[in-house]
Amino acid sequence: MAEIRVQKGDITKLEVDAIVNAANASLMGGGGVDGAIHRAAGPELLKECASLGGCKTGEAKITGAYDLPAKHVIHTVGPVWHGGENNEEAQLALCYQNALQLAVANDCKTIAFPAISTGIYDFPAEKAAAIATGTVKRVTEGLPSIETVILIAFDSDTEELLNHALAGA
């Protein structure tokens, strides 16, 4: 069974097989985690992303990591929160599930996730933390090749929410 842990820090500094990018549908960079990953990876990431034809909400696509210490970047597009009436919770769970399955398909044993959709996409952080931890725990039970999942928190509030959700998952 995978080790699942919460860690406060910068996802662009992690030496793991794959980091997950909370991308936008164009995959062409943006703000928040997406912008930080693109800046740290260098211009080659943008070039590769341009060849992928975008990504739909809940889906995941993989690229090289270029100047990042990780081996791969798995891009997933989280849902924009519209009050929970547009299947946002299921779409967010799909982000984690599809990223994990893509990691396995590419021989990744260690993977790090940011808090997907909790920034400008306005997904309620507490609800997102419960979905992230519950989905990761459930999906990794069926994926024995995943050894470590790091849920990376950019601040203390997110770290606390993720730890609380993980304890209850």
N, C-alpha and C. Protein backbone atom coordinates (compact mmCIF):
# COMPACT_ATOMS: atom_id res chain seq x y z
N MET A 1 0.83 -1.19 0.00
CA MET A 1 0.00 0.00 0.00
C MET A 1 0.88 1.25 0.00
N ALA A 2 0.46 2.25 -0.74
CA ALA A 2 1.23 3.47 -0.87
C ALA A 2 1.29 4.26 0.44
N GLU A 3 2.43 4.87 0.66
CA GLU A 3 2.54 5.84 1.74
C GLU A 3 1.92 7.14 1.22
N ILE A 4 0.97 7.68 1.95
CA ILE A 4 0.35 8.95 1.58
C ILE A 4 0.68 9.94 2.69
N ARG A 5 1.28 11.05 2.31
CA ARG A 5 1.65 12.03 3.34
C ARG A 5 1.41 13.45 2.84
N VAL A 6 1.26 14.34 3.78
CA VAL A 6 1.09 15.77 3.51
C VAL A 6 2.41 16.45 3.81
N GLN A 7 2.77 17.38 2.96
CA GLN A 7 4.02 18.11 3.16
C GLN A 7 3.81 19.56 2.71
N LYS A 8 4.27 20.49 3.51
CA LYS A 8 4.21 21.90 3.13
C LYS A 8 5.48 22.22 2.35
N GLY A 9 5.31 22.91 1.22
CA GLY A 9 6.48 23.26 0.44
C GLY A 9 6.16 23.65 -0.98
N ASP A 10 7.19 23.58 -1.80
CA ASP A 10 7.16 24.00 -3.20
C ASP A 10 7.21 22.76 -4.07
N ILE A 11 6.15 22.48 -4.80
CA ILE A 11 6.07 21.27 -5.62
C ILE A 11 7.16 21.25 -6.70
N THR A 12 7.64 22.41 -7.10
CA THR A 12 8.66 22.46 -8.16
C THR A 12 10.04 22.03 -7.68
N LYS A 13 10.19 21.82 -6.39
CA LYS A 13 11.50 21.42 -5.82
C LYS A 13 11.59 19.94 -5.51
N LEU A 14 10.49 19.20 -5.71
CA LEU A 14 10.44 17.80 -5.30
C LEU A 14 11.11 16.86 -6.30
N GLU A 15 11.93 15.97 -5.76
CA GLU A 15 12.58 14.93 -6.56
C GLU A 15 11.73 13.68 -6.50
N VAL A 16 10.72 13.64 -7.35
CA VAL A 16 9.79 12.51 -7.43
C VAL A 16 9.69 12.10 -8.90
N ASP A 17 9.05 10.98 -9.13
CA ASP A 17 8.88 10.55 -10.51
C ASP A 17 7.95 11.49 -11.27
N ALA A 18 6.91 11.97 -10.62
CA ALA A 18 5.97 12.88 -11.29
C ALA A 18 5.40 13.90 -10.32
N ILE A 19 5.30 15.13 -10.80
CA ILE A 19 4.53 16.13 -10.08
C ILE A 19 3.28 16.40 -10.92
N VAL A 20 2.21 16.72 -10.24
CA VAL A 20 0.96 17.00 -10.93
C VAL A 20 0.79 18.51 -11.03
N ASN A 21 0.44 18.95 -12.22
CA ASN A 21 0.19 20.35 -12.48
C ASN A 21 -1.31 20.60 -12.51
N ALA A 22 -1.77 21.53 -11.70
CA ALA A 22 -3.17 21.98 -11.76
C ALA A 22 -3.26 22.95 -12.93
N ALA A 23 -3.45 22.38 -14.11
CA ALA A 23 -3.36 23.11 -15.36
C ALA A 23 -4.70 23.73 -15.77
N ASN A 24 -4.63 24.58 -16.78
CA ASN A 24 -5.85 25.05 -17.43
C ASN A 24 -6.04 24.23 -18.71
N ALA A 25 -7.19 24.34 -19.33
CA ALA A 25 -7.54 23.49 -20.46
C ALA A 25 -6.61 23.63 -21.66
N SER A 26 -5.96 24.77 -21.79
CA SER A 26 -5.05 24.96 -22.93
C SER A 26 -3.70 24.30 -22.72
N LEU A 27 -3.35 24.02 -21.47
CA LEU A 27 -2.03 23.50 -21.06
C LEU A 27 -0.89 24.46 -21.38
N MET A 28 -1.22 25.71 -21.63
CA MET A 28 -0.20 26.66 -22.06
C MET A 28 0.30 27.57 -20.94
N GLY A 29 0.18 27.12 -19.72
CA GLY A 29 0.68 27.91 -18.58
C GLY A 29 -0.39 28.87 -18.09
N GLY A 30 -0.17 29.37 -16.91
CA GLY A 30 -1.14 30.29 -16.31
C GLY A 30 -0.60 30.81 -15.01
N GLY A 31 -1.47 30.99 -14.04
CA GLY A 31 -1.06 31.50 -12.74
C GLY A 31 -0.91 30.38 -11.74
N GLY A 32 -0.68 30.73 -10.49
CA GLY A 32 -0.61 29.75 -9.41
C GLY A 32 0.40 28.65 -9.64
N VAL A 33 0.02 27.42 -9.30
CA VAL A 33 0.89 26.26 -9.44
C VAL A 33 1.29 26.07 -10.90
N ASP A 34 0.34 26.25 -11.80
CA ASP A 34 0.60 26.07 -13.23
C ASP A 34 1.73 26.99 -13.69
N GLY A 35 1.64 28.26 -13.36
CA GLY A 35 2.68 29.20 -13.75
C GLY A 35 4.02 28.88 -13.12
N ALA A 36 4.00 28.49 -11.85
CA ALA A 36 5.25 28.15 -11.15
C ALA A 36 5.93 26.94 -11.81
N ILE A 37 5.14 25.93 -12.17
CA ILE A 37 5.71 24.74 -12.82
C ILE A 37 6.28 25.10 -14.18
N HIS A 38 5.56 25.87 -14.96
CA HIS A 38 6.06 26.26 -16.28
C HIS A 38 7.34 27.10 -16.17
N ARG A 39 7.38 28.02 -15.22
CA ARG A 39 8.58 28.85 -15.05
C ARG A 39 9.78 27.99 -14.64
N ALA A 40 9.57 27.08 -13.71
CA ALA A 40 10.66 26.25 -13.21
C ALA A 40 11.13 25.21 -14.24
N ALA A 41 10.22 24.73 -15.06
CA ALA A 41 10.57 23.71 -16.05
C ALA A 41 11.31 24.29 -17.25
N GLY A 42 11.05 25.54 -17.56
CA GLY A 42 11.68 26.17 -18.71
C GLY A 42 10.80 26.09 -19.95
N PRO A 43 11.25 26.73 -21.04
CA PRO A 43 10.43 26.86 -22.25
C PRO A 43 10.12 25.56 -22.97
N GLU A 44 10.89 24.53 -22.75
CA GLU A 44 10.64 23.26 -23.43
C GLU A 44 9.30 22.64 -22.99
N LEU A 45 8.90 22.88 -21.75
CA LEU A 45 7.62 22.36 -21.29
C LEU A 45 6.48 22.97 -22.09
N LEU A 46 6.52 24.26 -22.30
CA LEU A 46 5.48 24.94 -23.08
C LEU A 46 5.43 24.39 -24.51
N LYS A 47 6.59 24.14 -25.09
CA LYS A 47 6.63 23.58 -26.44
C LYS A 47 5.97 22.21 -26.50
N GLU A 48 6.28 21.35 -25.51
CA GLU A 48 5.66 20.03 -25.51
C GLU A 48 4.15 20.13 -25.26
N CYS A 49 3.75 20.99 -24.34
CA CYS A 49 2.32 21.16 -24.06
C CYS A 49 1.56 21.64 -25.29
N ALA A 50 2.18 22.47 -26.11
CA ALA A 50 1.53 22.98 -27.32
C ALA A 50 1.18 21.85 -28.29
N SER A 51 1.89 20.74 -28.19
CA SER A 51 1.66 19.61 -29.11
C SER A 51 0.56 18.67 -28.62
N LEU A 52 0.02 18.90 -27.42
CA LEU A 52 -0.91 17.95 -26.82
C LEU A 52 -2.39 18.22 -27.12
N GLY A 53 -2.69 19.38 -27.68
CA GLY A 53 -4.08 19.67 -28.03
C GLY A 53 -4.98 19.98 -26.85
N GLY A 54 -4.42 20.47 -25.78
CA GLY A 54 -5.22 20.83 -24.61
C GLY A 54 -5.61 19.62 -23.78
N CYS A 55 -6.47 19.85 -22.80
CA CYS A 55 -6.89 18.80 -21.88
C CYS A 55 -8.26 19.19 -21.31
N LYS A 56 -9.16 18.22 -21.24
CA LYS A 56 -10.49 18.48 -20.70
C LYS A 56 -10.50 18.33 -19.18
N THR A 57 -11.47 18.94 -18.55
CA THR A 57 -11.63 18.84 -17.10
C THR A 57 -11.72 17.38 -16.67
N GLY A 58 -10.91 17.02 -15.67
CA GLY A 58 -10.89 15.66 -15.15
C GLY A 58 -9.90 14.74 -15.84
N GLU A 59 -9.44 15.11 -17.03
CA GLU A 59 -8.47 14.29 -17.75
C GLU A 59 -7.05 14.62 -17.28
N ALA A 60 -6.09 13.80 -17.74
CA ALA A 60 -4.69 14.02 -17.39
C ALA A 60 -3.82 13.68 -18.60
N LYS A 61 -2.76 14.46 -18.77
CA LYS A 61 -1.78 14.22 -19.82
C LYS A 61 -0.38 14.37 -19.22
N ILE A 62 0.59 13.66 -19.79
CA ILE A 62 1.94 13.64 -19.22
C ILE A 62 2.95 14.24 -20.18
N THR A 63 3.93 14.93 -19.61
CA THR A 63 5.05 15.49 -20.38
C THR A 63 6.35 15.22 -19.63
N GLY A 64 7.43 15.59 -20.26
CA GLY A 64 8.71 15.62 -19.57
C GLY A 64 8.69 16.73 -18.53
N ALA A 65 9.70 16.74 -17.67
CA ALA A 65 9.77 17.76 -16.62
C ALA A 65 10.86 18.79 -16.88
N TYR A 66 11.71 18.53 -17.85
CA TYR A 66 12.75 19.47 -18.28
C TYR A 66 13.62 19.94 -17.13
N ASP A 67 13.60 21.20 -16.74
CA ASP A 67 14.51 21.72 -15.71
C ASP A 67 14.04 21.46 -14.28
N LEU A 68 12.94 20.76 -14.12
CA LEU A 68 12.46 20.40 -12.78
C LEU A 68 13.21 19.17 -12.28
N PRO A 69 13.31 18.97 -10.96
CA PRO A 69 13.97 17.76 -10.43
C PRO A 69 13.12 16.50 -10.60
N ALA A 70 11.84 16.64 -10.88
CA ALA A 70 10.97 15.48 -11.15
C ALA A 70 11.28 14.93 -12.54
N LYS A 71 10.81 13.72 -12.81
CA LYS A 71 11.01 13.12 -14.13
C LYS A 71 9.90 13.49 -15.11
N HIS A 72 8.69 13.64 -14.60
CA HIS A 72 7.53 13.92 -15.45
C HIS A 72 6.65 14.99 -14.80
N VAL A 73 5.85 15.63 -15.64
CA VAL A 73 4.76 16.49 -15.16
C VAL A 73 3.47 15.89 -15.70
N ILE A 74 2.54 15.62 -14.80
CA ILE A 74 1.21 15.16 -15.20
C ILE A 74 0.28 16.34 -15.05
N HIS A 75 -0.30 16.75 -16.16
CA HIS A 75 -1.17 17.92 -16.20
C HIS A 75 -2.62 17.44 -16.08
N THR A 76 -3.37 18.04 -15.17
CA THR A 76 -4.79 17.73 -15.04
C THR A 76 -5.55 19.02 -14.85
N VAL A 77 -6.74 19.06 -15.39
CA VAL A 77 -7.56 20.26 -15.33
C VAL A 77 -8.69 20.04 -14.34
N GLY A 78 -8.60 20.76 -13.24
CA GLY A 78 -9.64 20.66 -12.23
C GLY A 78 -10.87 21.47 -12.60
N PRO A 79 -11.97 21.17 -11.95
CA PRO A 79 -13.21 21.90 -12.23
C PRO A 79 -13.24 23.28 -11.56
N VAL A 80 -13.89 24.21 -12.24
CA VAL A 80 -14.20 25.50 -11.63
C VAL A 80 -15.44 25.28 -10.77
N TRP A 81 -15.41 25.78 -9.54
CA TRP A 81 -16.54 25.59 -8.62
C TRP A 81 -17.70 26.51 -9.02
N HIS A 82 -18.85 25.90 -9.23
CA HIS A 82 -20.07 26.65 -9.55
C HIS A 82 -21.16 26.29 -8.55
N GLY A 83 -20.78 26.10 -7.29
CA GLY A 83 -21.76 25.80 -6.26
C GLY A 83 -22.03 24.32 -6.05
N GLY A 84 -21.35 23.47 -6.80
CA GLY A 84 -21.51 22.04 -6.62
C GLY A 84 -22.63 21.42 -7.44
N GLU A 85 -23.24 22.19 -8.30
CA GLU A 85 -24.38 21.70 -9.08
C GLU A 85 -23.98 21.17 -10.46
N ASN A 86 -22.70 21.22 -10.80
CA ASN A 86 -22.24 20.82 -12.13
C ASN A 86 -21.26 19.65 -12.09
N ASN A 87 -21.47 18.74 -11.14
CA ASN A 87 -20.64 17.53 -11.05
C ASN A 87 -19.17 17.82 -10.70
N GLU A 88 -18.94 18.95 -10.03
CA GLU A 88 -17.56 19.35 -9.72
C GLU A 88 -16.84 18.35 -8.83
N GLU A 89 -17.54 17.76 -7.87
CA GLU A 89 -16.87 16.82 -6.96
C GLU A 89 -16.38 15.59 -7.71
N ALA A 90 -17.19 15.04 -8.58
CA ALA A 90 -16.78 13.87 -9.36
C ALA A 90 -15.66 14.23 -10.33
N GLN A 91 -15.72 15.42 -10.91
CA GLN A 91 -14.65 15.86 -11.82
C GLN A 91 -13.32 16.00 -11.08
N LEU A 92 -13.37 16.54 -9.86
CA LEU A 92 -12.14 16.68 -9.09
C LEU A 92 -11.57 15.31 -8.75
N ALA A 93 -12.41 14.38 -8.34
CA ALA A 93 -11.94 13.02 -8.04
C ALA A 93 -11.29 12.40 -9.27
N LEU A 94 -11.86 12.64 -10.46
CA LEU A 94 -11.28 12.12 -11.70
C LEU A 94 -9.87 12.66 -11.95
N CYS A 95 -9.63 13.91 -11.56
CA CYS A 95 -8.28 14.48 -11.72
C CYS A 95 -7.25 13.62 -11.00
N TYR A 96 -7.54 13.28 -9.75
CA TYR A 96 -6.61 12.48 -8.95
C TYR A 96 -6.52 11.05 -9.50
N GLN A 97 -7.66 10.46 -9.82
CA GLN A 97 -7.69 9.09 -10.33
C GLN A 97 -6.94 8.97 -11.65
N ASN A 98 -7.22 9.86 -12.60
CA ASN A 98 -6.58 9.78 -13.91
C ASN A 98 -5.09 10.08 -13.83
N ALA A 99 -4.69 11.00 -12.96
CA ALA A 99 -3.26 11.28 -12.79
C ALA A 99 -2.53 10.07 -12.23
N LEU A 100 -3.13 9.41 -11.25
CA LEU A 100 -2.51 8.21 -10.67
C LEU A 100 -2.41 7.09 -11.70
N GLN A 101 -3.44 6.88 -12.48
CA GLN A 101 -3.41 5.83 -13.50
C GLN A 101 -2.37 6.14 -14.58
N LEU A 102 -2.25 7.41 -14.95
CA LEU A 102 -1.23 7.81 -15.93
C LEU A 102 0.17 7.64 -15.35
N ALA A 103 0.32 7.89 -14.07
CA ALA A 103 1.61 7.68 -13.40
C ALA A 103 2.01 6.21 -13.49
N VAL A 104 1.09 5.32 -13.18
CA VAL A 104 1.37 3.88 -13.25
C VAL A 104 1.73 3.47 -14.68
N ALA A 105 1.00 3.98 -15.65
CA ALA A 105 1.25 3.64 -17.05
C ALA A 105 2.63 4.10 -17.52
N ASN A 106 3.21 5.06 -16.80
CA ASN A 106 4.54 5.58 -17.15
C ASN A 106 5.60 5.23 -16.12
N ASP A 107 5.37 4.14 -15.38
CA ASP A 107 6.33 3.60 -14.41
C ASP A 107 6.74 4.58 -13.31
N CYS A 108 5.82 5.45 -12.92
CA CYS A 108 6.10 6.38 -11.82
C CYS A 108 5.68 5.73 -10.51
N LYS A 109 6.59 5.72 -9.56
CA LYS A 109 6.31 5.14 -8.25
C LYS A 109 6.06 6.20 -7.18
N THR A 110 6.56 7.41 -7.43
CA THR A 110 6.38 8.51 -6.49
C THR A 110 5.73 9.68 -7.23
N ILE A 111 4.72 10.27 -6.60
CA ILE A 111 3.96 11.34 -7.25
C ILE A 111 3.56 12.38 -6.22
N ALA A 112 3.55 13.64 -6.63
CA ALA A 112 3.15 14.74 -5.75
C ALA A 112 2.02 15.53 -6.39
N PHE A 113 1.01 15.82 -5.59
CA PHE A 113 -0.16 16.58 -6.03
C PHE A 113 -0.24 17.91 -5.31
N PRO A 114 -0.60 18.98 -6.02
CA PRO A 114 -0.98 20.22 -5.34
C PRO A 114 -2.45 20.11 -4.94
N ALA A 115 -2.97 21.13 -4.31
CA ALA A 115 -4.40 21.18 -3.97
C ALA A 115 -5.15 21.67 -5.22
N ILE A 116 -5.59 20.74 -6.04
CA ILE A 116 -6.20 21.04 -7.34
C ILE A 116 -7.52 21.78 -7.16
N SER A 117 -7.70 22.83 -7.94
CA SER A 117 -8.94 23.64 -8.04
C SER A 117 -9.22 24.56 -6.86
N THR A 118 -8.33 24.62 -5.87
CA THR A 118 -8.63 25.43 -4.69
C THR A 118 -8.17 26.88 -4.81
N GLY A 119 -7.45 27.21 -5.86
CA GLY A 119 -7.01 28.59 -6.07
C GLY A 119 -8.08 29.39 -6.81
N ILE A 120 -7.73 29.86 -7.99
CA ILE A 120 -8.66 30.71 -8.74
C ILE A 120 -9.91 29.96 -9.22
N TYR A 121 -9.88 28.63 -9.18
CA TYR A 121 -11.06 27.85 -9.56
C TYR A 121 -12.07 27.77 -8.42
N ASP A 122 -11.68 28.26 -7.24
CA ASP A 122 -12.61 28.53 -6.13
C ASP A 122 -13.30 27.32 -5.52
N PHE A 123 -12.73 26.12 -5.69
CA PHE A 123 -13.32 24.93 -5.07
C PHE A 123 -13.13 25.07 -3.56
N PRO A 124 -14.15 24.83 -2.76
CA PRO A 124 -13.99 24.95 -1.30
C PRO A 124 -12.86 24.04 -0.79
N ALA A 125 -11.91 24.63 -0.11
CA ALA A 125 -10.67 23.92 0.27
C ALA A 125 -10.93 22.69 1.14
N GLU A 126 -11.83 22.78 2.09
CA GLU A 126 -12.09 21.64 2.97
C GLU A 126 -12.69 20.47 2.19
N LYS A 127 -13.62 20.77 1.31
CA LYS A 127 -14.25 19.75 0.47
C LYS A 127 -13.21 19.15 -0.49
N ALA A 128 -12.36 20.00 -1.07
CA ALA A 128 -11.32 19.53 -1.99
C ALA A 128 -10.33 18.62 -1.27
N ALA A 129 -9.98 18.96 -0.05
CA ALA A 129 -9.04 18.13 0.73
C ALA A 129 -9.62 16.74 0.99
N ALA A 130 -10.91 16.68 1.32
CA ALA A 130 -11.55 15.39 1.56
C ALA A 130 -11.60 14.55 0.28
N ILE A 131 -11.89 15.19 -0.84
CA ILE A 131 -11.93 14.47 -2.12
C ILE A 131 -10.53 13.98 -2.48
N ALA A 132 -9.54 14.85 -2.32
CA ALA A 132 -8.15 14.48 -2.67
C ALA A 132 -7.69 13.28 -1.85
N THR A 133 -7.83 13.36 -0.54
CA THR A 133 -7.32 12.28 0.31
C THR A 133 -8.11 11.00 0.13
N GLY A 134 -9.42 11.12 0.05
CA GLY A 134 -10.25 9.93 -0.13
C GLY A 134 -9.99 9.23 -1.46
N THR A 135 -9.87 10.02 -2.52
CA THR A 135 -9.63 9.44 -3.84
C THR A 135 -8.25 8.81 -3.92
N VAL A 136 -7.23 9.51 -3.42
CA VAL A 136 -5.87 8.97 -3.46
C VAL A 136 -5.80 7.66 -2.68
N LYS A 137 -6.40 7.64 -1.51
CA LYS A 137 -6.36 6.42 -0.69
C LYS A 137 -7.07 5.28 -1.41
N ARG A 138 -8.26 5.52 -1.93
CA ARG A 138 -9.05 4.49 -2.61
C ARG A 138 -8.35 3.99 -3.88
N VAL A 139 -7.87 4.90 -4.70
CA VAL A 139 -7.27 4.52 -5.98
C VAL A 139 -5.94 3.81 -5.79
N THR A 140 -5.11 4.27 -4.86
CA THR A 140 -3.80 3.63 -4.68
C THR A 140 -3.92 2.22 -4.12
N GLU A 141 -5.03 1.91 -3.45
CA GLU A 141 -5.23 0.53 -2.98
C GLU A 141 -5.23 -0.46 -4.14
N GLY A 142 -5.67 -0.02 -5.31
CA GLY A 142 -5.68 -0.87 -6.49
C GLY A 142 -4.48 -0.68 -7.40
N LEU A 143 -3.53 0.15 -6.99
CA LEU A 143 -2.34 0.42 -7.79
C LEU A 143 -1.09 0.16 -6.95
N PRO A 144 -0.72 -1.11 -6.77
CA PRO A 144 0.39 -1.43 -5.87
C PRO A 144 1.75 -0.88 -6.31
N SER A 145 1.89 -0.48 -7.57
CA SER A 145 3.18 0.05 -8.01
C SER A 145 3.43 1.48 -7.53
N ILE A 146 2.38 2.18 -7.09
CA ILE A 146 2.57 3.51 -6.50
C ILE A 146 3.08 3.32 -5.08
N GLU A 147 4.26 3.85 -4.81
CA GLU A 147 4.88 3.69 -3.48
C GLU A 147 4.61 4.87 -2.56
N THR A 148 4.68 6.10 -3.12
CA THR A 148 4.54 7.29 -2.28
C THR A 148 3.71 8.34 -3.01
N VAL A 149 2.75 8.90 -2.29
CA VAL A 149 1.97 10.04 -2.77
C VAL A 149 2.16 11.17 -1.78
N ILE A 150 2.61 12.30 -2.28
CA ILE A 150 2.78 13.49 -1.45
C ILE A 150 1.70 14.49 -1.83
N LEU A 151 0.92 14.91 -0.85
CA LEU A 151 -0.05 15.98 -1.05
C LEU A 151 0.63 17.25 -0.57
N ILE A 152 1.04 18.08 -1.51
CA ILE A 152 1.85 19.24 -1.18
C ILE A 152 0.96 20.45 -0.88
N ALA A 153 1.23 21.08 0.22
CA ALA A 153 0.47 22.26 0.65
C ALA A 153 1.34 23.50 0.49
N PHE A 154 0.76 24.53 -0.08
CA PHE A 154 1.52 25.76 -0.27
C PHE A 154 1.48 26.67 0.94
N ASP A 155 0.57 26.40 1.88
CA ASP A 155 0.50 27.21 3.09
C ASP A 155 0.05 26.35 4.28
N SER A 156 0.13 26.92 5.47
CA SER A 156 -0.20 26.18 6.69
C SER A 156 -1.67 25.80 6.77
N ASP A 157 -2.56 26.66 6.27
CA ASP A 157 -3.99 26.35 6.31
C ASP A 157 -4.30 25.12 5.46
N THR A 158 -3.72 25.06 4.26
CA THR A 158 -3.93 23.92 3.38
C THR A 158 -3.31 22.67 3.98
N GLU A 159 -2.14 22.81 4.57
CA GLU A 159 -1.48 21.68 5.22
C GLU A 159 -2.38 21.10 6.33
N GLU A 160 -2.97 21.98 7.13
CA GLU A 160 -3.83 21.54 8.21
C GLU A 160 -5.09 20.83 7.67
N LEU A 161 -5.70 21.40 6.64
CA LEU A 161 -6.90 20.79 6.04
C LEU A 161 -6.58 19.41 5.47
N LEU A 162 -5.46 19.30 4.77
CA LEU A 162 -5.07 18.01 4.18
C LEU A 162 -4.76 16.98 5.25
N ASN A 163 -4.05 17.37 6.28
CA ASN A 163 -3.75 16.43 7.37
C ASN A 163 -5.02 15.95 8.06
N HIS A 164 -5.94 16.87 8.30
CA HIS A 164 -7.21 16.51 8.93
C HIS A 164 -8.01 15.56 8.04
N ALA A 165 -8.05 15.86 6.74
CA ALA A 165 -8.79 15.00 5.80
C ALA A 165 -8.15 13.64 5.67
N LEU A 166 -6.82 13.60 5.66
CA LEU A 166 -6.11 12.33 5.53
C LEU A 166 -6.35 11.46 6.76
N ALA A 167 -6.39 12.07 7.93
CA ALA A 167 -6.66 11.31 9.16
C ALA A 167 -8.05 10.70 9.14
N GLY A 168 -8.98 11.35 8.45
CA GLY A 168 -10.34 10.86 8.39
C GLY A 168 -10.65 10.00 7.17
N ALA A 169 -9.70 9.91 6.24
CA ALA A 169 -9.95 9.18 4.98
C ALA A 169 -9.95 7.68 5.18
